[in-house]
Amino acid sequence: MERQMVKVYTRKKWLEFQGQIYESHGYYVQQKAVGDGCMVYDVISFQSSSISKPRVLSHNQQMDYISCSCMKFEFVGIP
């Protein structure tokens, strides 16, 4: 995936993407629900406190669309 993205992103965006890839290893993903072609996951940071809420990630398989409660997909521009 990194080889593909280095061809697509500018150097600045690539370094940001690479940092996100590194940070992604610090999360636990647990499937929460499945229904009507949509899968829902809880994403929990290993370093977060016990009172923090997990992020909710939704994957609509029919539309091939992913969204997250943090909204980084929509606002930061890193898929």
PDB file of N, CA and C in Angstrom:
ATOM      1  N   MET A   1       0.828  -1.184   0.000  1.00  0.00           N
ATOM      2  CA  MET A   1       0.000   0.000   0.000  1.00  0.00           C
ATOM      3  C   MET A   1       0.875   1.251   0.000  1.00  0.00           C
ATOM      4  N   GLU A   2       1.974   1.211   0.741  1.00  0.00           N
ATOM      5  CA  GLU A   2       2.845   2.381   0.779  1.00  0.00           C
ATOM      6  C   GLU A   2       3.451   2.673  -0.592  1.00  0.00           C
ATOM      7  N   ARG A   3       3.820   1.643  -1.318  1.00  0.00           N
ATOM      8  CA  ARG A   3       4.385   1.845  -2.665  1.00  0.00           C
ATOM      9  C   ARG A   3       3.375   2.516  -3.591  1.00  0.00           C
ATOM     10  N   GLN A   4       2.112   2.140  -3.476  1.00  0.00           N
ATOM     11  CA  GLN A   4       1.089   2.745  -4.317  1.00  0.00           C
ATOM     12  C   GLN A   4       0.882   4.213  -3.953  1.00  0.00           C
ATOM     13  N   MET A   5       0.829   4.513  -2.676  1.00  0.00           N
ATOM     14  CA  MET A   5       0.531   5.870  -2.232  1.00  0.00           C
ATOM     15  C   MET A   5       1.683   6.836  -2.487  1.00  0.00           C
ATOM     16  N   VAL A   6       2.916   6.349  -2.477  1.00  0.00           N
ATOM     17  CA  VAL A   6       4.043   7.246  -2.740  1.00  0.00           C
ATOM     18  C   VAL A   6       3.971   7.792  -4.167  1.00  0.00           C
ATOM     19  N   LYS A   7       3.315   7.060  -5.057  1.00  0.00           N
ATOM     20  CA  LYS A   7       3.144   7.520  -6.441  1.00  0.00           C
ATOM     21  C   LYS A   7       1.991   8.513  -6.580  1.00  0.00           C
ATOM     22  N   VAL A   8       1.074   8.518  -5.621  1.00  0.00           N
ATOM     23  CA  VAL A   8      -0.138   9.327  -5.711  1.00  0.00           C
ATOM     24  C   VAL A   8      -0.019  10.637  -4.934  1.00  0.00           C
ATOM     25  N   TYR A   9       0.529  10.569  -3.724  1.00  0.00           N
ATOM     26  CA  TYR A   9       0.565  11.729  -2.829  1.00  0.00           C
ATOM     27  C   TYR A   9       1.768  12.625  -3.072  1.00  0.00           C
ATOM     28  N   THR A  10       1.643  13.890  -2.652  1.00  0.00           N
ATOM     29  CA  THR A  10       2.800  14.783  -2.599  1.00  0.00           C
ATOM     30  C   THR A  10       3.676  14.301  -1.449  1.00  0.00           C
ATOM     31  N   ARG A  11       4.903  14.786  -1.387  1.00  0.00           N
ATOM     32  CA  ARG A  11       5.824  14.341  -0.316  1.00  0.00           C
ATOM     33  C   ARG A  11       5.250  14.654   1.058  1.00  0.00           C
ATOM     34  N   LYS A  12       4.690  15.844   1.231  1.00  0.00           N
ATOM     35  CA  LYS A  12       4.133  16.234   2.525  1.00  0.00           C
ATOM     36  C   LYS A  12       2.978  15.312   2.932  1.00  0.00           C
ATOM     37  N   LYS A  13       2.053  15.050   2.012  1.00  0.00           N
ATOM     38  CA  LYS A  13       0.915  14.172   2.304  1.00  0.00           C
ATOM     39  C   LYS A  13       1.385  12.735   2.514  1.00  0.00           C
ATOM     40  N   TRP A  14       2.408  12.323   1.767  1.00  0.00           N
ATOM     41  CA  TRP A  14       2.969  10.975   1.919  1.00  0.00           C
ATOM     42  C   TRP A  14       3.531  10.774   3.331  1.00  0.00           C
ATOM     43  N   LEU A  15       4.274  11.745   3.830  1.00  0.00           N
ATOM     44  CA  LEU A  15       4.838  11.636   5.181  1.00  0.00           C
ATOM     45  C   LEU A  15       3.732  11.587   6.231  1.00  0.00           C
ATOM     46  N   GLU A  16       2.672  12.345   6.006  1.00  0.00           N
ATOM     47  CA  GLU A  16       1.518  12.306   6.911  1.00  0.00           C
ATOM     48  C   GLU A  16       0.854  10.922   6.858  1.00  0.00           C
ATOM     49  N   PHE A  17       0.686  10.397   5.654  1.00  0.00           N
ATOM     50  CA  PHE A  17       0.105   9.072   5.465  1.00  0.00           C
ATOM     51  C   PHE A  17       0.955   8.006   6.148  1.00  0.00           C
ATOM     52  N   GLN A  18       2.261   8.080   5.988  1.00  0.00           N
ATOM     53  CA  GLN A  18       3.170   7.110   6.582  1.00  0.00           C
ATOM     54  C   GLN A  18       3.072   7.138   8.110  1.00  0.00           C
ATOM     55  N   GLY A  19       2.944   8.334   8.666  1.00  0.00           N
ATOM     56  CA  GLY A  19       2.760   8.464  10.107  1.00  0.00           C
ATOM     57  C   GLY A  19       1.466   7.812  10.573  1.00  0.00           C
ATOM     58  N   GLN A  20       0.406   7.971   9.769  1.00  0.00           N
ATOM     59  CA  GLN A  20      -0.879   7.351  10.105  1.00  0.00           C
ATOM     60  C   GLN A  20      -0.787   5.827  10.045  1.00  0.00           C
ATOM     61  N   ILE A  21      -0.065   5.309   9.070  1.00  0.00           N
ATOM     62  CA  ILE A  21       0.133   3.859   8.970  1.00  0.00           C
ATOM     63  C   ILE A  21       0.830   3.352  10.232  1.00  0.00           C
ATOM     64  N   TYR A  22       1.860   4.058  10.654  1.00  0.00           N
ATOM     65  CA  TYR A  22       2.603   3.672  11.863  1.00  0.00           C
ATOM     66  C   TYR A  22       1.676   3.689  13.086  1.00  0.00           C
ATOM     67  N   GLU A  23       0.889   4.752  13.233  1.00  0.00           N
ATOM     68  CA  GLU A  23      -0.019   4.876  14.377  1.00  0.00           C
ATOM     69  C   GLU A  23      -1.136   3.843  14.355  1.00  0.00           C
ATOM     70  N   SER A  24      -1.495   3.352  13.182  1.00  0.00           N
ATOM     71  CA  SER A  24      -2.603   2.398  13.084  1.00  0.00           C
ATOM     72  C   SER A  24      -2.305   1.084  13.803  1.00  0.00           C
ATOM     73  N   HIS A  25      -1.051   0.820  14.079  1.00  0.00           N
ATOM     74  CA  HIS A  25      -0.691  -0.407  14.792  1.00  0.00           C
ATOM     75  C   HIS A  25      -1.035  -0.331  16.280  1.00  0.00           C
ATOM     76  N   GLY A  26      -1.472   0.819  16.755  1.00  0.00           N
ATOM     77  CA  GLY A  26      -1.814   1.004  18.160  1.00  0.00           C
ATOM     78  C   GLY A  26      -3.302   0.922  18.447  1.00  0.00           C
ATOM     79  N   TYR A  27      -4.063   0.289  17.551  1.00  0.00           N
ATOM     80  CA  TYR A  27      -5.510   0.211  17.718  1.00  0.00           C
ATOM     81  C   TYR A  27      -6.001  -1.234  17.661  1.00  0.00           C
ATOM     82  N   TYR A  28      -7.065  -1.460  18.380  1.00  0.00           N
ATOM     83  CA  TYR A  28      -7.746  -2.757  18.375  1.00  0.00           C
ATOM     84  C   TYR A  28      -9.081  -2.559  17.666  1.00  0.00           C
ATOM     85  N   VAL A  29      -9.393  -3.428  16.709  1.00  0.00           N
ATOM     86  CA  VAL A  29     -10.635  -3.332  15.950  1.00  0.00           C
ATOM     87  C   VAL A  29     -11.506  -4.542  16.292  1.00  0.00           C
ATOM     88  N   GLN A  30     -12.740  -4.261  16.686  1.00  0.00           N
ATOM     89  CA  GLN A  30     -13.665  -5.327  17.055  1.00  0.00           C
ATOM     90  C   GLN A  30     -14.955  -5.171  16.254  1.00  0.00           C
ATOM     91  N   GLN A  31     -15.368  -6.251  15.578  1.00  0.00           N
ATOM     92  CA  GLN A  31     -16.613  -6.198  14.814  1.00  0.00           C
ATOM     93  C   GLN A  31     -17.781  -6.071  15.771  1.00  0.00           C
ATOM     94  N   LYS A  32     -18.657  -5.114  15.480  1.00  0.00           N
ATOM     95  CA  LYS A  32     -19.779  -4.810  16.363  1.00  0.00           C
ATOM     96  C   LYS A  32     -21.101  -5.318  15.801  1.00  0.00           C
ATOM     97  N   ALA A  33     -21.338  -5.101  14.512  1.00  0.00           N
ATOM     98  CA  ALA A  33     -22.617  -5.497  13.910  1.00  0.00           C
ATOM     99  C   ALA A  33     -22.449  -5.728  12.415  1.00  0.00           C
ATOM    100  N   VAL A  34     -23.337  -6.546  11.881  1.00  0.00           N
ATOM    101  CA  VAL A  34     -23.390  -6.820  10.454  1.00  0.00           C
ATOM    102  C   VAL A  34     -24.849  -6.807  10.036  1.00  0.00           C
ATOM    103  N   GLY A  35     -25.142  -6.147   8.925  1.00  0.00           N
ATOM    104  CA  GLY A  35     -26.519  -6.163   8.431  1.00  0.00           C
ATOM    105  C   GLY A  35     -26.695  -5.346   7.175  1.00  0.00           C
ATOM    106  N   ASP A  36     -27.486  -5.857   6.254  1.00  0.00           N
ATOM    107  CA  ASP A  36     -27.826  -5.161   5.012  1.00  0.00           C
ATOM    108  C   ASP A  36     -26.601  -4.651   4.257  1.00  0.00           C
ATOM    109  N   GLY A  37     -25.560  -5.461   4.175  1.00  0.00           N
ATOM    110  CA  GLY A  37     -24.362  -5.075   3.440  1.00  0.00           C
ATOM    111  C   GLY A  37     -23.503  -4.051   4.139  1.00  0.00           C
ATOM    112  N   CYS A  38     -23.765  -3.800   5.414  1.00  0.00           N
ATOM    113  CA  CYS A  38     -22.990  -2.821   6.183  1.00  0.00           C
ATOM    114  C   CYS A  38     -22.365  -3.508   7.400  1.00  0.00           C
ATOM    115  N   MET A  39     -21.095  -3.270   7.604  1.00  0.00           N
ATOM    116  CA  MET A  39     -20.398  -3.814   8.765  1.00  0.00           C
ATOM    117  C   MET A  39     -19.987  -2.654   9.661  1.00  0.00           C
ATOM    118  N   VAL A  40     -20.148  -2.825  10.952  1.00  0.00           N
ATOM    119  CA  VAL A  40     -19.823  -1.778  11.922  1.00  0.00           C
ATOM    120  C   VAL A  40     -18.778  -2.325  12.889  1.00  0.00           C
ATOM    121  N   TYR A  41     -17.750  -1.503  13.147  1.00  0.00           N
ATOM    122  CA  TYR A  41     -16.648  -1.903  14.012  1.00  0.00           C
ATOM    123  C   TYR A  41     -16.424  -0.849  15.094  1.00  0.00           C
ATOM    124  N   ASP A  42     -15.965  -1.291  16.255  1.00  0.00           N
ATOM    125  CA  ASP A  42     -15.443  -0.395  17.274  1.00  0.00           C
ATOM    126  C   ASP A  42     -13.929  -0.374  17.117  1.00  0.00           C
ATOM    127  N   VAL A  43     -13.342   0.819  17.132  1.00  0.00           N
ATOM    128  CA  VAL A  43     -11.899   0.975  17.016  1.00  0.00           C
ATOM    129  C   VAL A  43     -11.416   1.619  18.306  1.00  0.00           C
ATOM    130  N   ILE A  44     -10.557   0.901  19.030  1.00  0.00           N
ATOM    131  CA  ILE A  44     -10.132   1.340  20.356  1.00  0.00           C
ATOM    132  C   ILE A  44      -8.614   1.475  20.389  1.00  0.00           C
ATOM    133  N   SER A  45      -8.134   2.590  20.891  1.00  0.00           N
ATOM    134  CA  SER A  45      -6.699   2.817  21.021  1.00  0.00           C
ATOM    135  C   SER A  45      -6.165   2.036  22.214  1.00  0.00           C
ATOM    136  N   PHE A  46      -5.010   1.397  22.044  1.00  0.00           N
ATOM    137  CA  PHE A  46      -4.381   0.683  23.151  1.00  0.00           C
ATOM    138  C   PHE A  46      -3.949   1.641  24.250  1.00  0.00           C
ATOM    139  N   GLN A  47      -3.676   2.894  23.896  1.00  0.00           N
ATOM    140  CA  GLN A  47      -3.153   3.858  24.854  1.00  0.00           C
ATOM    141  C   GLN A  47      -4.219   4.734  25.478  1.00  0.00           C
ATOM    142  N   SER A  48      -5.466   4.623  25.035  1.00  0.00           N
ATOM    143  CA  SER A  48      -6.505   5.497  25.574  1.00  0.00           C
ATOM    144  C   SER A  48      -6.906   5.056  26.977  1.00  0.00           C
ATOM    145  N   SER A  49      -7.461   5.987  27.717  1.00  0.00           N
ATOM    146  CA  SER A  49      -7.917   5.664  29.065  1.00  0.00           C
ATOM    147  C   SER A  49      -9.182   4.829  29.001  1.00  0.00           C
ATOM    148  N   SER A  50      -9.521   4.185  30.079  1.00  0.00           N
ATOM    149  CA  SER A  50     -10.674   3.282  30.091  1.00  0.00           C
ATOM    150  C   SER A  50     -12.002   4.030  29.947  1.00  0.00           C
ATOM    151  N   ILE A  51     -12.019   5.351  30.166  1.00  0.00           N
ATOM    152  CA  ILE A  51     -13.271   6.097  30.066  1.00  0.00           C
ATOM    153  C   ILE A  51     -13.527   6.651  28.664  1.00  0.00           C
ATOM    154  N   SER A  52     -12.537   6.580  27.782  1.00  0.00           N
ATOM    155  CA  SER A  52     -12.734   7.122  26.436  1.00  0.00           C
ATOM    156  C   SER A  52     -13.606   6.177  25.612  1.00  0.00           C
ATOM    157  N   LYS A  53     -14.391   6.762  24.718  1.00  0.00           N
ATOM    158  CA  LYS A  53     -15.286   5.991  23.870  1.00  0.00           C
ATOM    159  C   LYS A  53     -14.527   5.473  22.651  1.00  0.00           C
ATOM    160  N   PRO A  54     -14.887   4.286  22.188  1.00  0.00           N
ATOM    161  CA  PRO A  54     -14.272   3.806  20.945  1.00  0.00           C
ATOM    162  C   PRO A  54     -14.811   4.590  19.754  1.00  0.00           C
ATOM    163  N   ARG A  55     -14.034   4.665  18.695  1.00  0.00           N
ATOM    164  CA  ARG A  55     -14.503   5.239  17.436  1.00  0.00           C
ATOM    165  C   ARG A  55     -15.354   4.177  16.750  1.00  0.00           C
ATOM    166  N   VAL A  56     -16.333   4.614  15.998  1.00  0.00           N
ATOM    167  CA  VAL A  56     -17.205   3.687  15.277  1.00  0.00           C
ATOM    168  C   VAL A  56     -16.910   3.804  13.791  1.00  0.00           C
ATOM    169  N   LEU A  57     -16.542   2.691  13.189  1.00  0.00           N
ATOM    170  CA  LEU A  57     -16.216   2.635  11.779  1.00  0.00           C
ATOM    171  C   LEU A  57     -17.303   1.838  11.070  1.00  0.00           C
ATOM    172  N   SER A  58     -17.866   2.399  10.005  1.00  0.00           N
ATOM    173  CA  SER A  58     -18.915   1.730   9.235  1.00  0.00           C
ATOM    174  C   SER A  58     -18.423   1.476   7.817  1.00  0.00           C
ATOM    175  N   HIS A  59     -18.630   0.273   7.340  1.00  0.00           N
ATOM    176  CA  HIS A  59     -18.243  -0.083   5.972  1.00  0.00           C
ATOM    177  C   HIS A  59     -19.473  -0.566   5.230  1.00  0.00           C
ATOM    178  N   ASN A  60     -19.905   0.219   4.259  1.00  0.00           N
ATOM    179  CA  ASN A  60     -21.018  -0.160   3.407  1.00  0.00           C
ATOM    180  C   ASN A  60     -20.427  -0.907   2.218  1.00  0.00           C
ATOM    181  N   GLN A  61     -20.591  -2.218   2.211  1.00  0.00           N
ATOM    182  CA  GLN A  61     -19.976  -3.046   1.176  1.00  0.00           C
ATOM    183  C   GLN A  61     -20.609  -2.838  -0.192  1.00  0.00           C
ATOM    184  N   GLN A  62     -21.897  -2.586  -0.247  1.00  0.00           N
ATOM    185  CA  GLN A  62     -22.566  -2.398  -1.530  1.00  0.00           C
ATOM    186  C   GLN A  62     -22.098  -1.133  -2.229  1.00  0.00           C
ATOM    187  N   MET A  63     -21.889  -0.064  -1.476  1.00  0.00           N
ATOM    188  CA  MET A  63     -21.444   1.204  -2.052  1.00  0.00           C
ATOM    189  C   MET A  63     -19.924   1.351  -2.011  1.00  0.00           C
ATOM    190  N   ASP A  64     -19.239   0.378  -1.379  1.00  0.00           N
ATOM    191  CA  ASP A  64     -17.791   0.428  -1.171  1.00  0.00           C
ATOM    192  C   ASP A  64     -17.394   1.757  -0.529  1.00  0.00           C
ATOM    193  N   TYR A  65     -18.051   2.082   0.590  1.00  0.00           N
ATOM    194  CA  TYR A  65     -17.842   3.353   1.277  1.00  0.00           C
ATOM    195  C   TYR A  65     -17.559   3.082   2.752  1.00  0.00           C
ATOM    196  N   ILE A  66     -16.551   3.768   3.282  1.00  0.00           N
ATOM    197  CA  ILE A  66     -16.181   3.644   4.694  1.00  0.00           C
ATOM    198  C   ILE A  66     -16.289   5.005   5.353  1.00  0.00           C
ATOM    199  N   SER A  67     -16.860   5.045   6.551  1.00  0.00           N
ATOM    200  CA  SER A  67     -16.898   6.292   7.316  1.00  0.00           C
ATOM    201  C   SER A  67     -16.567   5.982   8.771  1.00  0.00           C
ATOM    202  N   CYS A  68     -16.066   6.990   9.459  1.00  0.00           N
ATOM    203  CA  CYS A  68     -15.661   6.830  10.852  1.00  0.00           C
ATOM    204  C   CYS A  68     -16.231   7.991  11.662  1.00  0.00           C
ATOM    205  N   SER A  69     -16.524   7.730  12.922  1.00  0.00           N
ATOM    206  CA  SER A  69     -17.094   8.769  13.779  1.00  0.00           C
ATOM    207  C   SER A  69     -16.117   9.919  14.030  1.00  0.00           C
ATOM    208  N   CYS A  70     -14.817   9.699  13.822  1.00  0.00           N
ATOM    209  CA  CYS A  70     -13.841  10.783  14.000  1.00  0.00           C
ATOM    210  C   CYS A  70     -13.857  11.760  12.825  1.00  0.00           C
ATOM    211  N   MET A  71     -14.434  11.349  11.694  1.00  0.00           N
ATOM    212  CA  MET A  71     -14.569  12.155  10.471  1.00  0.00           C
ATOM    213  C   MET A  71     -13.242  12.480   9.781  1.00  0.00           C
ATOM    214  N   LYS A  72     -12.153  11.799  10.121  1.00  0.00           N
ATOM    215  CA  LYS A  72     -10.868  12.069   9.474  1.00  0.00           C
ATOM    216  C   LYS A  72     -10.885  11.680   8.001  1.00  0.00           C
ATOM    217  N   PHE A  73     -11.669  10.658   7.652  1.00  0.00           N
ATOM    218  CA  PHE A  73     -11.769  10.286   6.235  1.00  0.00           C
ATOM    219  C   PHE A  73     -12.258  11.456   5.416  1.00  0.00           C
ATOM    220  N   GLU A  74     -13.246  12.165   5.935  1.00  0.00           N
ATOM    221  CA  GLU A  74     -13.881  13.259   5.208  1.00  0.00           C
ATOM    222  C   GLU A  74     -13.075  14.563   5.263  1.00  0.00           C
ATOM    223  N   PHE A  75     -12.419  14.850   6.376  1.00  0.00           N
ATOM    224  CA  PHE A  75     -11.791  16.156   6.564  1.00  0.00           C
ATOM    225  C   PHE A  75     -10.286  16.204   6.399  1.00  0.00           C
ATOM    226  N   VAL A  76      -9.582  15.133   6.676  1.00  0.00           N
ATOM    227  CA  VAL A  76      -8.124  15.161   6.577  1.00  0.00           C
ATOM    228  C   VAL A  76      -7.661  14.720   5.203  1.00  0.00           C
ATOM    229  N   GLY A  77      -8.452  13.871   4.565  1.00  0.00           N
ATOM    230  CA  GLY A  77      -8.124  13.469   3.209  1.00  0.00           C
ATOM    231  C   GLY A  77      -7.237  12.252   3.083  1.00  0.00           C
ATOM    232  N   ILE A  78      -7.087  11.498   4.153  1.00  0.00           N
ATOM    233  CA  ILE A  78      -6.308  10.258   4.083  1.00  0.00           C
ATOM    234  C   ILE A  78      -7.283   9.101   4.174  1.00  0.00           C
ATOM    235  N   PRO A  79      -7.489   8.389   3.063  1.00  0.00           N
ATOM    236  CA  PRO A  79      -8.424   7.258   3.116  1.00  0.00           C
ATOM    237  C   PRO A  79      -7.846   6.083   3.891  1.00  0.00           C
TER     238      PRO A  79
END
